[in-house]
Amino acid sequence: MSLDPTKPSRGRPKTLDRDHVLEVAMDAYWKEGIRNLSLNEICRRCDISKPGLYREFWNEDGLMKAVILKYQEQVLDSVLQMLNTEMPFRETLDNLVSFATSVSDDQEIPKGCLLIKMRESRMHLGEATRAQIDFIQEQALTAYRKWVERSKAKCEFSADMSSEFASTYIDAQLSNASSQISRGEDPQVVKKILLVAFSMLG
């Protein structure tokens, strides 16, 4: 029998809608933060029992890992795809800026990035969730580095910095912008700051 907390055990009767639980949990963690929600509250909002949730996700750590995997699939993968296109460097950079600073008029849509919020609450996460977040972070840094290297080869990246440092710099600026958006700062101001920070790159 598999002990992977992100996968349901074989042979068990389905007593809950896994996708529904993940949608509710992702929305709650994204809007309210990891530290502000108990597992009991997640169960209440999903109208499920805690034993039922444990059967599906093993524990709270398993639930959070499954949430960040779903978030990666729904949101983050589009960013990686953006970095793998043959668009000019500046055009891709502008798209990243727009992505990081976009805010919907719909108040029900969370602000900022769930991954960044979970990284900032790292001490409150379980081992499996921390490991998954670290893996996603490494994927992002690798994608940034390869994008910078391709841009250098096309003479579109003019800053005098290594590809490794550039990838860390880009990630740090986007993460900071996302945190500012989450705190409710003016998206237009955040965007201007981000554009200034990136103006040196090419």
Protein backbone atom coordinates (compact mmCIF):
# COMPACT_ATOMS: atom_id res chain seq x y z
CA MET A 1 0.00 0.00 0.00
CA SER A 2 1.31 3.43 -0.93
CA LEU A 3 2.00 5.86 1.90
CA ASP A 4 2.27 8.86 -0.42
CA PRO A 5 0.10 11.48 1.36
CA THR A 6 -0.81 13.14 -1.94
CA LYS A 7 -2.47 10.00 -3.27
CA PRO A 8 -5.58 8.23 -1.98
CA SER A 9 -5.09 4.69 -0.71
CA ARG A 10 -6.38 1.88 -2.90
CA GLY A 11 -9.49 0.07 -1.90
CA ARG A 12 -10.87 2.77 0.36
CA PRO A 13 -14.39 4.02 -0.33
CA LYS A 14 -14.46 7.59 -1.59
CA THR A 15 -16.13 9.67 1.11
CA LEU A 16 -15.11 13.11 -0.10
CA ASP A 17 -14.51 15.06 -3.29
CA ARG A 18 -10.72 15.45 -3.42
CA ASP A 19 -10.76 18.25 -5.99
CA HIS A 20 -13.34 20.19 -3.98
CA VAL A 21 -11.25 19.92 -0.81
CA LEU A 22 -8.16 21.12 -2.66
CA GLU A 23 -10.02 24.06 -4.20
CA VAL A 24 -11.41 25.13 -0.83
CA ALA A 25 -8.08 24.69 0.96
CA MET A 26 -6.10 26.46 -1.76
CA ASP A 27 -8.49 29.42 -1.77
CA ALA A 28 -8.41 29.63 2.03
CA TYR A 29 -4.62 29.37 2.35
CA TRP A 30 -4.16 31.86 -0.47
CA LYS A 31 -6.54 34.46 0.94
CA GLU A 32 -6.00 34.04 4.67
CA GLY A 33 -2.54 32.53 5.06
CA ILE A 34 -1.32 29.24 6.48
CA ARG A 35 -1.05 30.47 10.05
CA ASN A 36 -4.63 31.72 10.22
CA LEU A 37 -6.37 28.44 9.42
CA SER A 38 -6.71 25.28 11.44
CA LEU A 39 -7.30 21.87 9.92
CA ASN A 40 -10.64 21.82 11.75
CA GLU A 41 -11.67 24.98 9.91
CA ILE A 42 -10.72 23.48 6.54
CA CYS A 43 -12.82 20.42 7.38
CA ARG A 44 -15.75 22.62 8.44
CA ARG A 45 -15.66 24.59 5.19
CA CYS A 46 -15.49 21.40 3.15
CA ASP A 47 -18.19 19.73 5.29
CA ILE A 48 -16.00 16.68 5.87
CA SER A 49 -14.69 14.87 8.94
CA LYS A 50 -11.08 15.06 10.01
CA PRO A 51 -10.71 11.24 9.77
CA GLY A 52 -12.02 11.48 6.21
CA LEU A 53 -9.45 14.12 5.35
CA TYR A 54 -6.71 12.01 6.94
CA ARG A 55 -7.73 9.02 4.84
CA GLU A 56 -7.37 11.09 1.69
CA PHE A 57 -4.29 13.19 2.48
CA TRP A 58 -2.66 11.31 5.37
CA ASN A 59 -2.21 14.49 7.48
CA GLU A 60 -2.16 18.30 7.26
CA ASP A 61 1.26 18.21 5.64
CA GLY A 62 -0.12 15.93 2.94
CA LEU A 63 -3.00 18.33 2.32
CA MET A 64 -0.71 21.34 2.01
CA LYS A 65 1.62 19.50 -0.34
CA ALA A 66 -1.35 18.52 -2.51
CA VAL A 67 -2.53 22.15 -2.48
CA ILE A 68 0.82 23.53 -3.66
CA LEU A 69 0.97 20.88 -6.39
CA LYS A 70 -2.49 21.94 -7.58
CA TYR A 71 -1.42 25.59 -7.46
CA GLN A 72 1.65 24.76 -9.50
CA GLU A 73 -0.49 23.05 -12.11
CA GLN A 74 -3.09 25.84 -12.28
CA VAL A 75 -0.86 28.91 -11.97
CA LEU A 76 2.90 28.40 -11.88
CA ASP A 77 3.26 26.15 -14.91
CA SER A 78 2.10 29.04 -17.12
CA VAL A 79 5.08 31.08 -15.88
CA LEU A 80 7.51 28.30 -16.78
CA GLN A 81 5.91 28.08 -20.21
CA MET A 82 6.36 31.82 -20.58
CA LEU A 83 10.10 31.44 -19.98
CA ASN A 84 10.42 28.69 -22.57
CA THR A 85 9.13 30.70 -25.53
CA GLU A 86 11.26 32.42 -28.15
CA MET A 87 9.82 35.84 -27.40
CA PRO A 88 12.35 38.68 -27.03
CA PHE A 89 13.82 38.99 -23.54
CA ARG A 90 12.20 42.35 -22.79
CA GLU A 91 8.77 41.14 -23.91
CA THR A 92 8.97 38.11 -21.64
CA LEU A 93 10.21 40.29 -18.79
CA ASP A 94 7.26 42.65 -19.23
CA ASN A 95 4.91 39.66 -19.16
CA LEU A 96 6.48 38.50 -15.88
CA VAL A 97 6.03 41.98 -14.42
CA SER A 98 2.37 42.01 -15.46
CA PHE A 99 1.86 38.56 -14.00
CA ALA A 100 3.45 39.49 -10.67
CA THR A 101 1.54 42.76 -10.26
CA SER A 102 -1.87 41.88 -11.71
CA VAL A 103 -4.83 42.34 -9.38
CA SER A 104 -8.38 41.38 -10.29
CA ASP A 105 -11.31 43.67 -9.59
CA ASP A 106 -13.08 40.60 -8.22
CA GLN A 107 -12.60 40.76 -4.47
CA GLU A 108 -13.06 37.00 -4.24
CA ILE A 109 -9.86 36.35 -6.18
CA PRO A 110 -6.82 36.18 -3.85
CA LYS A 111 -3.98 38.68 -4.23
CA GLY A 112 -0.34 37.80 -4.62
CA CYS A 113 1.19 34.36 -5.03
CA LEU A 114 0.36 31.35 -2.85
CA LEU A 115 3.84 29.90 -3.32
CA ILE A 116 5.46 33.08 -2.00
CA LYS A 117 3.05 33.17 0.93
CA MET A 118 3.90 29.58 1.81
CA ARG A 119 7.62 30.28 1.50
CA GLU A 120 7.22 33.17 3.93
CA SER A 121 5.42 30.83 6.37
CA ARG A 122 7.99 28.07 5.99
CA MET A 123 8.38 27.41 9.72
CA HIS A 124 4.68 26.53 9.91
CA LEU A 125 4.86 23.94 7.12
CA GLY A 126 5.46 20.21 7.32
CA GLU A 127 8.46 18.41 5.90
CA ALA A 128 6.75 17.19 2.71
CA THR A 129 5.36 20.65 1.88
CA ARG A 130 8.73 22.33 2.51
CA ALA A 131 10.45 19.81 0.25
CA GLN A 132 7.90 20.40 -2.52
CA ILE A 133 8.26 24.17 -2.25
CA ASP A 134 12.05 23.84 -2.42
CA PHE A 135 11.70 21.67 -5.52
CA ILE A 136 9.42 24.19 -7.21
CA GLN A 137 11.86 26.97 -6.30
CA GLU A 138 14.74 25.07 -7.89
CA GLN A 139 12.65 24.50 -11.02
CA ALA A 140 11.97 28.23 -11.24
CA LEU A 141 15.60 29.24 -10.75
CA THR A 142 16.70 26.75 -13.39
CA ALA A 143 14.10 28.09 -15.82
CA TYR A 144 15.21 31.69 -15.15
CA ARG A 145 18.87 30.74 -15.65
CA LYS A 146 18.24 28.97 -18.97
CA TRP A 147 16.10 31.88 -20.16
CA VAL A 148 18.87 34.36 -19.29
CA GLU A 149 21.47 32.20 -21.03
CA ARG A 150 19.38 32.07 -24.21
CA SER A 151 18.86 35.82 -24.02
CA LYS A 152 22.59 36.41 -23.62
CA ALA A 153 23.25 34.28 -26.71
CA LYS A 154 20.85 36.54 -28.64
CA CYS A 155 22.53 39.67 -27.19
CA GLU A 156 19.26 40.69 -25.51
CA PHE A 157 20.60 40.56 -21.95
CA SER A 158 23.10 43.34 -21.30
CA ALA A 159 23.68 43.32 -17.53
CA ASP A 160 27.15 42.34 -16.34
CA MET A 161 26.14 39.46 -14.07
CA SER A 162 26.29 35.70 -14.15
CA SER A 163 23.25 33.74 -15.26
CA GLU A 164 23.03 32.19 -11.78
CA PHE A 165 23.01 35.59 -10.05
CA ALA A 166 20.57 36.98 -12.60
CA SER A 167 18.12 34.14 -11.96
CA THR A 168 18.29 34.76 -8.20
CA TYR A 169 17.90 38.51 -8.73
CA ILE A 170 14.85 38.10 -10.97
CA ASP A 171 13.22 35.66 -8.56
CA ALA A 172 13.86 37.95 -5.58
CA GLN A 173 12.35 40.99 -7.32
CA LEU A 174 9.25 39.10 -8.46
CA SER A 175 8.81 37.58 -4.98
CA ASN A 176 9.07 40.98 -3.32
CA ALA A 177 6.53 42.45 -5.73
CA SER A 178 4.13 39.60 -5.01
CA SER A 179 4.49 40.17 -1.26
CA GLN A 180 3.75 43.87 -1.72
CA ILE A 181 0.63 43.03 -3.74
CA SER A 182 -0.49 40.61 -1.01
CA ARG A 183 -0.16 43.38 1.58
CA GLY A 184 -2.49 45.57 -0.45
CA GLU A 185 0.05 48.05 -1.81
CA ASP A 186 -0.84 49.97 -4.97
CA PRO A 187 -0.23 47.60 -7.91
CA GLN A 188 0.78 50.47 -10.21
CA VAL A 189 3.43 51.64 -7.77
CA VAL A 190 4.69 48.08 -7.31
CA LYS A 191 4.85 47.68 -11.08
CA LYS A 192 6.88 50.87 -11.49
CA ILE A 193 9.34 49.74 -8.81
CA LEU A 194 9.68 46.36 -10.50
CA LEU A 195 10.28 47.94 -13.91
CA VAL A 196 13.03 50.11 -12.44
CA ALA A 197 14.60 47.06 -10.80
CA PHE A 198 14.58 45.22 -14.14
CA SER A 199 15.66 48.21 -16.28
CA MET A 200 19.31 47.24 -15.86
CA LEU A 201 18.90 43.79 -17.36
CA GLY A 202 18.49 44.57 -21.02
